[in-house]
Protein backbone atom coordinates (compact mmCIF):
# COMPACT_ATOMS: atom_id res chain seq x y z
CA UNK A 1 0.00 0.00 0.00
CA UNK A 2 1.41 3.34 -1.02
CA UNK A 3 0.63 6.05 1.52
CA UNK A 4 3.16 8.62 0.34
CA UNK A 5 0.45 11.04 -0.78
CA UNK A 6 0.14 14.43 0.88
CA UNK A 7 -2.98 13.36 2.74
CA UNK A 8 -3.03 10.05 4.61
CA UNK A 9 -5.62 7.60 3.33
CA UNK A 10 -8.61 7.00 5.61
CA UNK A 11 -9.77 3.54 6.63
CA UNK A 12 -13.01 2.67 8.39
CA UNK A 13 -12.71 -0.67 10.18
CA UNK A 14 -15.64 -2.48 11.77
CA UNK A 15 -15.15 -5.03 14.52
CA UNK A 16 -11.97 -3.15 15.44
CA UNK A 17 -11.99 -3.96 19.15
CA UNK A 18 -10.43 -7.44 18.82
CA UNK A 19 -9.21 -10.17 16.50
CA UNK A 20 -8.93 -9.51 12.78
CA UNK A 21 -10.40 -6.01 13.10
CA UNK A 22 -7.83 -4.94 15.70
CA UNK A 23 -4.99 -6.50 13.69
CA UNK A 24 -6.18 -4.72 10.56
CA UNK A 25 -6.27 -1.42 12.41
CA UNK A 26 -2.66 -1.86 13.55
CA UNK A 27 -1.54 -2.77 10.04
CA UNK A 28 -3.25 0.27 8.52
CA UNK A 29 -1.78 2.51 11.22
CA UNK A 30 1.71 1.20 10.45
CA UNK A 31 1.39 2.13 6.78
CA UNK A 32 0.20 5.65 7.60
CA UNK A 33 -3.59 5.60 7.34
CA UNK A 34 -5.98 7.68 9.40
CA UNK A 35 -8.47 5.39 11.10
CA UNK A 36 -12.10 5.25 12.07
CA UNK A 37 -12.53 2.25 14.37
CA UNK A 38 -16.01 0.88 15.05
CA UNK A 39 -17.04 -1.81 17.51
CA UNK A 40 -19.44 -2.51 20.37
CA UNK A 41 -16.81 -2.59 23.13
CA UNK A 42 -15.60 0.93 23.91
CA UNK A 43 -12.94 -0.17 26.42
CA UNK A 44 -11.31 -2.46 23.87
CA UNK A 45 -11.54 0.26 21.19
CA UNK A 46 -9.63 2.65 23.45
CA UNK A 47 -6.86 0.05 23.83
CA UNK A 48 -6.65 -0.52 20.07
CA UNK A 49 -6.57 3.26 19.51
CA UNK A 50 -3.64 3.59 21.92
CA UNK A 51 -1.74 0.79 20.13
CA UNK A 52 -2.37 2.39 16.73
CA UNK A 53 -1.15 5.76 17.96
CA UNK A 54 1.93 4.07 19.44
CA UNK A 55 2.94 2.63 16.05
CA UNK A 56 2.09 5.87 14.19
CA UNK A 57 2.02 9.05 16.24
CA UNK A 58 0.84 11.06 13.19
CA UNK A 59 -2.28 8.96 12.59
CA UNK A 60 -5.69 10.38 13.42
CA UNK A 61 -7.66 7.66 15.13
CA UNK A 62 -11.38 8.10 15.81
CA UNK A 63 -13.21 5.47 17.81
CA UNK A 64 -16.95 5.00 17.62
CA UNK A 65 -18.87 2.63 19.82
CA UNK A 66 -21.52 1.16 17.53
CA UNK A 67 -23.37 -2.09 16.97
CA UNK A 68 -23.44 -2.66 13.24
CA UNK A 69 -26.66 -4.67 13.54
CA UNK A 70 -28.58 -1.64 14.84
CA UNK A 71 -29.76 0.87 12.25
CA UNK A 72 -29.78 3.78 14.73
CA UNK A 73 -26.09 3.18 15.47
CA UNK A 74 -25.24 3.14 11.75
CA UNK A 75 -27.17 6.35 11.16
CA UNK A 76 -25.06 8.11 13.80
CA UNK A 77 -21.63 7.08 12.50
CA UNK A 78 -21.24 9.86 9.93
CA UNK A 79 -21.84 12.53 12.56
CA UNK A 80 -19.03 11.13 14.72
CA UNK A 81 -16.19 11.15 12.19
CA UNK A 82 -14.57 14.24 13.78
CA UNK A 83 -13.83 15.82 10.43
CA UNK A 84 -12.18 12.81 8.81
CA UNK A 85 -13.31 12.35 5.24
CA UNK A 86 -14.22 8.73 4.57
CA UNK A 87 -15.79 7.62 1.30
CA UNK A 88 -18.60 5.18 1.93
């Protein structure tokens, strides 16, 4: 992945609080992406955010507690992006 552009690429990762989602978040942080991490477990998200920021201090990492099976949670995601532009 080439992240040498002027603006870091954004990545929105669901299930980011553990397992494959957390590993994906760390990988994307290492290559210079800004991250939006979504999951149901806020405590775990905070830990993953800290790890991502440790491997890339320049990355913007936004965490959003959301259950992807609940429409009202999905509807609120866009309003919580903290200014990060993410194409969906």
